[in-house]
Amino acid sequence: MGLAPDARLLSYRVFDDDGAGTSYGPVNAIRQAVRDGADVISLSLSYREPWTPLRDAVQTAARAGVVVVAAAGNGGFFSDEVFYPAAWRETIAVGATDRGGVTIYSTRADYIDLYAPGTVTLLSSTGPHAYRNHQGTSYATPYVAGTVALLLEAHPDATLEQVRGWLTGSTVPHGSAMLLQVEGALAASGHQPAPLTPAPVLSDWCPADSPTMFDDLDGDMAVAAGCLARDGIAYGTSHDRFGPDRTLTRGQLASFVTRAVDSAGLDLPASDDVAFSDVHGSGTHDGAVMELAAAGIVAGYSDGTFRPDAPVTRAHVTKYLVEAFEVATGTPAPPQTRRWFNDTATATLAAFINRAATAGWAHPADGDSYGPNMPLSRVDMAAFLTRWTADLHRSQNS
């Protein structure tokens, strides 16, 4: 999945099990990647000397039309060290940012083209069976390499300088850094992806002639909300009002999802364990929260709470739907086939958002924007859940 879900990854081992290697390992890997037809090479490594074999390999890649993205190095704020291959013009050089701007460890030099997040929680391999959290320009570089892959997917014949121009011309200030903007770079290149056409909310499970119950909805959404109430999945805020603009809580969504699964004659793993310090089994939605937690569909916060009364975001609803569908039906939800929205490239749950859109469950908040961090409204919940519940029922009949 990741930033460029359609890219094919080529990986080359340059270190042994102990993390040791020779200077020629990366050189040989670059040359092999060129022979294998790579379009972009991501180099999270640096040399302190302008070593000729490395320069020759990078130039060979550049002559072959391969875009080389290189980490600028972790020389630190006060260092004037130069790192290679990032310092060579045949590469796109990447520095690292954190929330305040350029990180204390990132090299700051005139040869850096742009910056990307490098101080984030990343679990990275440090050996054959070891993982730990890391930070550095090495972790900023793949963000840019993934964006280059998207640009080359849209413009296969683009040159290095064209790609560099799209990247650097769309950056935005972040402290003293010029920060990568994935969607801005794509827009700068003139790429216009086809918009998502929302799937209909009505179906064999919820046909157009179904009775309506709520006076504050009309059209298909009045029918959809009526179908959810008919099957005991989601009710109104009163006997004739649905409250379409109200936001949905995490606990409420858990209940709606488990009820939809039950309505389709499907099951989720049962558990009486209390997974969270604020879910005791006596609350309205506690049973549903524990059920989804037992299935690995929901998780809480680092302090051990679930916060069932907190608003659920439009991003998080897609994780509920994708994972609950797979657990309940035993079949995979549709894979991510593309990025559907212009504001989800770096969203934490981007893969779930795009998979839910591919499945036809999710729709944009406005135009081509999904609004991943926006609270989920009850009317959007009704649309998402009606489409999703129909697919649960279809899975039983296929």
Protein backbone atom coordinates (compact mmCIF):
# COMPACT_ATOMS: atom_id res chain seq x y z
CA MET A 1 0.00 0.00 0.00
CA GLY A 2 1.83 3.13 1.15
CA LEU A 3 2.22 6.40 -0.68
CA ALA A 4 2.49 4.88 -4.18
CA PRO A 5 0.33 1.73 -3.96
CA ASP A 6 0.78 0.75 -7.60
CA ALA A 7 4.58 0.90 -7.51
CA ARG A 8 6.56 -2.33 -7.73
CA LEU A 9 9.31 -2.45 -5.14
CA LEU A 10 12.81 -3.69 -5.92
CA SER A 11 15.01 -4.30 -2.88
CA TYR A 12 18.74 -5.01 -2.83
CA ARG A 13 20.69 -6.25 0.15
CA VAL A 14 23.87 -4.28 0.80
CA PHE A 15 24.54 -5.30 4.44
CA ASP A 16 24.96 -8.68 6.09
CA ASP A 17 23.13 -10.02 9.16
CA ASP A 18 25.41 -8.00 11.43
CA GLY A 19 24.74 -4.76 9.58
CA ALA A 20 28.19 -4.74 8.01
CA GLY A 21 29.04 -4.21 4.38
CA THR A 22 31.49 -2.60 1.99
CA SER A 23 31.37 0.73 0.17
CA TYR A 24 30.72 -1.18 -3.03
CA GLY A 25 27.43 -2.67 -1.78
CA PRO A 26 25.30 0.41 -2.55
CA VAL A 27 27.21 1.02 -5.79
CA ASN A 28 26.43 -2.49 -7.02
CA ALA A 29 22.81 -2.15 -5.91
CA ILE A 30 22.36 1.12 -7.86
CA ARG A 31 23.79 -0.46 -10.99
CA GLN A 32 21.59 -3.53 -10.58
CA ALA A 33 18.49 -1.38 -10.08
CA VAL A 34 19.24 0.40 -13.35
CA ARG A 35 19.62 -2.94 -15.13
CA ASP A 36 16.33 -4.11 -13.61
CA GLY A 37 14.47 -1.11 -15.04
CA ALA A 38 13.92 0.95 -11.89
CA ASP A 39 12.32 4.35 -12.42
CA VAL A 40 13.24 5.81 -9.02
CA ILE A 41 15.96 4.85 -6.55
CA SER A 42 15.67 5.74 -2.86
CA LEU A 43 19.03 6.00 -1.07
CA SER A 44 18.82 6.29 2.71
CA LEU A 45 22.59 6.36 3.07
CA SER A 46 25.45 8.81 2.78
CA TYR A 47 29.20 8.97 2.26
CA ARG A 48 31.42 11.69 3.68
CA GLU A 49 33.71 11.69 0.62
CA PRO A 50 32.83 12.17 -3.07
CA TRP A 51 33.85 8.63 -3.92
CA THR A 52 34.29 8.13 -7.67
CA PRO A 53 32.65 4.67 -8.00
CA LEU A 54 29.55 6.02 -6.25
CA ARG A 55 29.49 9.09 -8.51
CA ASP A 56 29.82 6.89 -11.57
CA ALA A 57 26.89 4.70 -10.44
CA VAL A 58 24.67 7.71 -9.76
CA GLN A 59 25.56 9.24 -13.12
CA THR A 60 24.80 5.94 -14.83
CA ALA A 61 21.35 5.97 -13.22
CA ALA A 62 20.78 9.60 -14.24
CA ARG A 63 21.77 8.91 -17.85
CA ALA A 64 19.30 6.01 -17.87
CA GLY A 65 16.51 8.38 -16.82
CA VAL A 66 16.29 7.04 -13.27
CA VAL A 67 15.43 9.62 -10.60
CA VAL A 68 17.72 9.14 -7.59
CA VAL A 69 16.41 10.44 -4.24
CA ALA A 70 19.05 10.66 -1.52
CA ALA A 71 19.14 11.40 2.20
CA ALA A 72 20.96 14.66 2.92
CA GLY A 73 22.69 13.22 5.97
CA ASN A 74 22.45 13.69 9.73
CA GLY A 75 25.24 16.20 10.16
CA GLY A 76 23.30 18.28 12.64
CA PHE A 77 22.47 21.94 13.04
CA PHE A 78 26.02 23.19 13.59
CA SER A 79 27.79 20.96 11.10
CA ASP A 80 29.07 22.10 7.72
CA GLU A 81 29.71 18.54 6.56
CA VAL A 82 28.79 17.62 2.99
CA PHE A 83 27.26 14.22 2.34
CA TYR A 84 27.19 12.24 -0.88
CA PRO A 85 25.43 11.33 -3.13
CA ALA A 86 22.89 13.95 -1.95
CA ALA A 87 25.31 16.79 -2.68
CA TRP A 88 25.49 15.86 -6.36
CA ARG A 89 23.07 17.50 -8.76
CA GLU A 90 22.15 14.12 -10.24
CA THR A 91 20.06 13.43 -7.14
CA ILE A 92 17.13 14.97 -5.30
CA ALA A 93 18.44 15.71 -1.80
CA VAL A 94 16.10 15.36 1.19
CA GLY A 95 16.43 16.85 4.67
CA ALA A 96 14.30 16.00 7.70
CA THR A 97 11.68 17.95 9.65
CA ASP A 98 9.78 17.56 12.87
CA ARG A 99 6.81 19.56 14.13
CA GLY A 100 8.92 22.68 14.62
CA GLY A 101 10.78 22.72 11.31
CA VAL A 102 14.22 21.38 10.42
CA THR A 103 15.30 18.78 12.97
CA ILE A 104 18.34 19.29 15.17
CA TYR A 105 20.06 16.31 13.54
CA SER A 106 19.32 17.06 9.88
CA THR A 107 22.03 18.47 7.65
CA ARG A 108 21.30 22.04 6.52
CA ALA A 109 23.00 22.81 3.24
CA ASP A 110 22.43 24.61 -0.02
CA TYR A 111 22.32 21.33 -1.92
CA ILE A 112 19.13 20.18 -0.15
CA ASP A 113 16.15 20.37 -2.49
CA LEU A 114 13.35 19.94 0.06
CA TYR A 115 12.46 18.47 3.43
CA ALA A 116 10.07 15.74 4.57
CA PRO A 117 9.05 14.28 7.96
CA GLY A 118 11.95 12.45 9.60
CA THR A 119 11.04 12.54 13.27
CA VAL A 120 8.04 10.27 13.43
CA THR A 121 7.31 6.99 15.16
CA LEU A 122 8.68 4.41 12.77
CA LEU A 123 9.32 0.78 13.59
CA SER A 124 12.30 -0.15 11.44
CA SER A 125 14.31 -3.31 10.98
CA THR A 126 17.72 -3.25 12.65
CA GLY A 127 18.57 -6.85 11.89
CA PRO A 128 17.03 -10.17 10.89
CA HIS A 129 14.80 -10.31 13.97
CA ALA A 130 15.10 -6.85 15.54
CA TYR A 131 13.03 -3.69 15.27
CA ARG A 132 13.21 -0.29 16.94
CA ASN A 133 11.97 3.25 16.50
CA HIS A 134 14.23 5.45 14.39
CA GLN A 135 14.53 8.99 13.11
CA GLY A 136 16.71 10.66 10.51
CA THR A 137 16.92 11.93 6.96
CA SER A 138 16.87 8.26 5.95
CA TYR A 139 13.21 8.19 7.00
CA ALA A 140 12.34 11.45 5.26
CA THR A 141 13.74 10.21 1.95
CA PRO A 142 11.10 7.52 1.21
CA TYR A 143 8.33 10.15 1.46
CA VAL A 144 9.93 11.99 -1.43
CA ALA A 145 10.75 8.79 -3.34
CA GLY A 146 7.11 7.71 -3.08
CA THR A 147 5.99 11.08 -4.39
CA VAL A 148 8.43 10.75 -7.29
CA ALA A 149 6.89 7.36 -8.07
CA LEU A 150 3.45 9.00 -8.25
CA LEU A 151 4.79 11.75 -10.53
CA LEU A 152 6.45 9.23 -12.85
CA GLU A 153 3.28 7.14 -12.89
CA ALA A 154 1.44 10.20 -14.20
CA HIS A 155 4.33 11.39 -16.42
CA PRO A 156 6.49 8.40 -17.45
CA ASP A 157 8.74 10.51 -19.69
CA ALA A 158 9.45 13.25 -17.14
CA THR A 159 13.08 14.25 -16.66
CA LEU A 160 14.93 14.63 -13.38
CA GLU A 161 14.75 18.41 -13.61
CA GLN A 162 11.03 18.36 -14.33
CA VAL A 163 10.45 16.17 -11.28
CA ARG A 164 12.71 18.38 -9.17
CA GLY A 165 10.78 21.44 -10.32
CA TRP A 166 7.39 19.93 -9.44
CA LEU A 167 8.64 18.93 -6.01
CA THR A 168 10.42 22.13 -5.07
CA GLY A 169 7.91 24.42 -6.72
CA SER A 170 5.08 23.11 -4.57
CA THR A 171 6.77 23.09 -1.15
CA VAL A 172 5.44 25.19 1.71
CA PRO A 173 7.37 26.87 4.53
CA HIS A 174 7.61 24.86 7.74
CA GLY A 175 9.82 26.72 10.17
CA SER A 176 13.02 27.22 8.20
CA ALA A 177 12.31 24.22 5.97
CA MET A 178 10.56 23.96 2.62
CA LEU A 179 8.30 20.99 3.23
CA LEU A 180 7.19 18.35 0.73
CA GLN A 181 3.56 18.64 -0.45
CA VAL A 182 2.54 15.42 -2.17
CA GLU A 183 -0.71 16.63 -3.66
CA GLY A 184 0.85 20.02 -4.50
CA ALA A 185 3.58 18.32 -6.52
CA LEU A 186 1.01 16.26 -8.41
CA ALA A 187 -1.05 19.38 -9.11
CA ALA A 188 2.06 21.25 -10.24
CA SER A 189 2.71 18.50 -12.76
CA GLY A 190 -0.76 18.97 -14.21
CA HIS A 191 -1.96 15.56 -13.06
CA GLN A 192 -5.74 15.40 -12.75
CA PRO A 193 -6.92 12.03 -11.42
CA ALA A 194 -10.44 10.93 -12.23
CA PRO A 195 -12.78 11.89 -9.37
CA LEU A 196 -14.60 9.34 -7.28
CA THR A 197 -18.22 8.83 -8.21
CA PRO A 198 -20.04 7.97 -4.97
CA ALA A 199 -21.78 4.63 -5.02
CA PRO A 200 -25.59 4.62 -4.67
CA VAL A 201 -26.89 4.09 -1.16
CA LEU A 202 -29.89 2.07 -2.28
CA SER A 203 -29.64 -1.63 -3.09
CA ASP A 204 -31.47 -4.93 -2.95
CA TRP A 205 -31.05 -4.80 0.83
CA CYS A 206 -32.38 -1.24 0.96
CA PRO A 207 -34.65 -0.71 -2.08
CA ALA A 208 -36.15 2.64 -3.05
CA ASP A 209 -39.64 1.65 -1.90
CA SER A 210 -38.53 1.04 1.69
CA PRO A 211 -40.51 3.08 4.24
CA THR A 212 -39.06 6.31 5.58
CA MET A 213 -39.29 7.38 9.22
CA PHE A 214 -37.43 10.65 9.68
CA ASP A 215 -38.68 14.13 8.79
CA ASP A 216 -35.24 15.75 8.70
CA LEU A 217 -34.00 13.65 5.76
CA ASP A 218 -35.26 13.36 2.23
CA GLY A 219 -34.58 11.40 -0.94
CA ASP A 220 -32.29 8.38 -0.85
CA MET A 221 -30.85 9.29 2.54
CA ALA A 222 -34.32 9.19 4.12
CA VAL A 223 -34.71 5.69 2.71
CA ALA A 224 -31.22 4.63 3.86
CA ALA A 225 -31.77 5.83 7.42
CA GLY A 226 -35.12 4.04 7.43
CA CYS A 227 -33.44 0.77 6.39
CA LEU A 228 -30.89 1.07 9.19
CA ALA A 229 -33.67 1.66 11.73
CA ARG A 230 -35.80 -1.13 10.21
CA ASP A 231 -33.04 -3.68 10.89
CA GLY A 232 -32.21 -2.31 14.34
CA ILE A 233 -28.78 -1.05 13.27
CA ALA A 234 -29.08 2.71 13.89
CA TYR A 235 -31.97 4.70 15.27
CA GLY A 236 -32.91 8.36 15.19
CA THR A 237 -32.39 10.97 17.85
CA SER A 238 -36.16 10.89 18.39
CA HIS A 239 -39.06 8.97 16.87
CA ASP A 240 -39.18 11.20 13.75
CA ARG A 241 -35.77 12.93 13.72
CA PHE A 242 -32.48 11.41 12.61
CA GLY A 243 -30.17 14.31 13.53
CA PRO A 244 -28.17 14.18 10.27
CA ASP A 245 -25.69 16.92 11.19
CA ARG A 246 -24.84 15.59 14.64
CA THR A 247 -21.46 13.95 15.06
CA LEU A 248 -21.06 10.29 15.85
CA THR A 249 -19.08 8.96 18.80
CA ARG A 250 -16.63 6.08 18.83
CA GLY A 251 -18.95 4.05 21.01
CA GLN A 252 -21.99 4.65 18.82
CA LEU A 253 -20.12 3.54 15.71
CA ALA A 254 -19.00 0.37 17.47
CA SER A 255 -22.64 -0.46 18.22
CA PHE A 256 -23.79 0.28 14.68
CA VAL A 257 -21.07 -1.91 13.16
CA THR A 258 -21.76 -4.89 15.42
CA ARG A 259 -25.52 -4.60 14.86
CA ALA A 260 -25.00 -4.52 11.08
CA VAL A 261 -22.89 -7.67 11.30
CA ASP A 262 -25.62 -9.35 13.35
CA SER A 263 -28.30 -8.26 10.86
CA ALA A 264 -26.45 -10.10 8.10
CA GLY A 265 -26.32 -13.31 10.15
CA LEU A 266 -22.56 -13.00 10.67
CA ASP A 267 -20.45 -13.22 13.80
CA LEU A 268 -17.47 -11.51 15.38
CA PRO A 269 -15.25 -13.12 18.05
CA ALA A 270 -16.83 -12.94 21.51
CA SER A 271 -14.96 -11.72 24.58
CA ASP A 272 -15.89 -10.71 28.11
CA ASP A 273 -12.50 -9.16 28.74
CA VAL A 274 -12.42 -5.45 29.58
CA ALA A 275 -9.92 -4.06 27.13
CA PHE A 276 -10.01 -0.43 28.27
CA SER A 277 -10.08 1.35 31.62
CA ASP A 278 -13.16 3.38 30.66
CA VAL A 279 -15.14 0.45 29.20
CA HIS A 280 -16.62 -1.52 32.12
CA GLY A 281 -19.37 -3.52 30.46
CA SER A 282 -22.24 -1.45 31.84
CA GLY A 283 -22.27 1.37 29.28
CA THR A 284 -24.65 1.45 26.33
CA HIS A 285 -21.90 0.70 23.82
CA ASP A 286 -19.42 -1.17 26.02
CA GLY A 287 -20.34 -4.62 24.73
CA ALA A 288 -19.88 -3.57 21.13
CA VAL A 289 -16.53 -1.90 21.91
CA MET A 290 -15.27 -5.06 23.62
CA GLU A 291 -16.50 -7.19 20.74
CA LEU A 292 -14.63 -5.11 18.17
CA ALA A 293 -11.55 -4.99 20.40
CA ALA A 294 -11.54 -8.78 20.72
CA ALA A 295 -11.60 -8.99 16.93
CA GLY A 296 -8.67 -6.59 16.63
CA ILE A 297 -10.81 -4.02 14.82
CA VAL A 298 -10.56 -1.16 17.31
CA ALA A 299 -7.79 0.02 19.59
CA GLY A 300 -7.59 2.53 22.38
CA TYR A 301 -5.22 5.27 23.37
CA SER A 302 -1.79 5.00 24.97
CA ASP A 303 -3.27 5.74 28.41
CA GLY A 304 -5.40 2.58 28.25
CA THR A 305 -8.70 4.33 27.50
CA PHE A 306 -11.04 3.91 24.55
CA ARG A 307 -12.97 7.17 24.99
CA PRO A 308 -16.33 5.91 23.70
CA ASP A 309 -17.89 9.38 23.92
CA ALA A 310 -15.21 11.01 21.77
CA PRO A 311 -16.13 11.93 18.16
CA VAL A 312 -15.09 9.40 15.53
CA THR A 313 -13.33 10.80 12.46
CA ARG A 314 -14.05 10.12 8.82
CA ALA A 315 -10.67 8.37 8.62
CA HIS A 316 -11.35 6.01 11.52
CA VAL A 317 -14.72 4.86 10.23
CA THR A 318 -12.99 3.35 7.20
CA LYS A 319 -10.75 1.22 9.43
CA TYR A 320 -13.81 -0.05 11.30
CA LEU A 321 -15.55 -0.96 8.04
CA VAL A 322 -12.62 -2.57 6.22
CA GLU A 323 -11.47 -4.67 9.16
CA ALA A 324 -14.94 -5.63 10.37
CA PHE A 325 -15.90 -6.73 6.85
CA GLU A 326 -12.86 -8.99 6.61
CA VAL A 327 -13.29 -10.51 10.08
CA ALA A 328 -17.04 -11.04 9.73
CA THR A 329 -17.10 -12.41 6.18
CA GLY A 330 -13.72 -14.14 6.14
CA THR A 331 -12.98 -12.54 2.77
CA PRO A 332 -10.68 -9.62 1.94
CA ALA A 333 -12.12 -6.18 1.41
CA PRO A 334 -11.21 -4.72 -2.00
CA PRO A 335 -7.54 -3.69 -2.22
CA GLN A 336 -6.36 -0.11 -2.58
CA THR A 337 -6.27 0.50 -6.32
CA ARG A 338 -5.40 4.21 -6.28
CA ARG A 339 -5.54 7.36 -4.17
CA TRP A 340 -9.05 8.73 -4.54
CA PHE A 341 -8.77 12.03 -2.69
CA ASN A 342 -6.49 15.06 -2.74
CA ASP A 343 -5.99 15.28 1.02
CA THR A 344 -5.18 11.73 2.13
CA ALA A 345 -1.68 11.04 0.77
CA THR A 346 -0.05 11.35 4.19
CA ALA A 347 -3.09 10.54 6.33
CA THR A 348 -2.40 7.89 8.98
CA LEU A 349 -5.24 5.68 7.72
CA ALA A 350 -4.86 6.52 4.01
CA ALA A 351 -4.86 2.87 2.93
CA PHE A 352 -8.15 2.21 4.74
CA ILE A 353 -9.72 5.36 3.28
CA ASN A 354 -8.79 4.35 -0.26
CA ARG A 355 -9.87 0.75 0.23
CA ALA A 356 -13.25 1.88 1.56
CA ALA A 357 -13.61 4.21 -1.42
CA THR A 358 -12.67 1.43 -3.85
CA ALA A 359 -15.30 -0.79 -2.22
CA GLY A 360 -17.90 1.94 -2.74
CA TRP A 361 -18.55 2.52 0.97
CA ALA A 362 -16.85 5.90 1.45
CA HIS A 363 -17.48 9.16 -0.36
CA PRO A 364 -15.77 12.58 -0.35
CA ALA A 365 -16.63 15.31 2.11
CA ASP A 366 -16.37 17.99 -0.53
CA GLY A 367 -15.31 17.71 -4.17
CA ASP A 368 -12.10 15.68 -4.29
CA SER A 369 -11.39 16.07 -0.57
CA TYR A 370 -12.14 13.31 1.92
CA GLY A 371 -11.65 15.29 5.14
CA PRO A 372 -9.91 12.48 7.06
CA ASN A 373 -9.75 14.40 10.34
CA MET A 374 -13.31 15.73 10.22
CA PRO A 375 -15.81 14.30 12.71
CA LEU A 376 -18.17 11.79 11.11
CA SER A 377 -21.72 13.10 10.83
CA ARG A 378 -24.73 10.88 11.29
CA VAL A 379 -25.85 11.40 7.70
CA ASP A 380 -22.45 10.32 6.36
CA MET A 381 -22.52 7.40 8.75
CA ALA A 382 -25.91 6.38 7.34
CA ALA A 383 -24.58 6.46 3.76
CA PHE A 384 -21.38 4.56 4.59
CA LEU A 385 -23.15 2.01 6.75
CA THR A 386 -26.01 1.37 4.31
CA ARG A 387 -23.61 0.59 1.46
CA TRP A 388 -21.45 -1.54 3.74
CA THR A 389 -24.35 -3.47 5.25
CA ALA A 390 -25.65 -4.28 1.76
CA ASP A 391 -22.24 -5.83 0.96
CA LEU A 392 -22.35 -7.86 4.16
CA HIS A 393 -25.68 -9.33 3.02
CA ARG A 394 -24.34 -9.94 -0.50
CA SER A 395 -21.39 -11.86 0.97
CA GLN A 396 -23.91 -14.30 2.46
CA ASN A 397 -25.62 -14.83 -0.87
CA SER A 398 -22.54 -15.18 -3.08
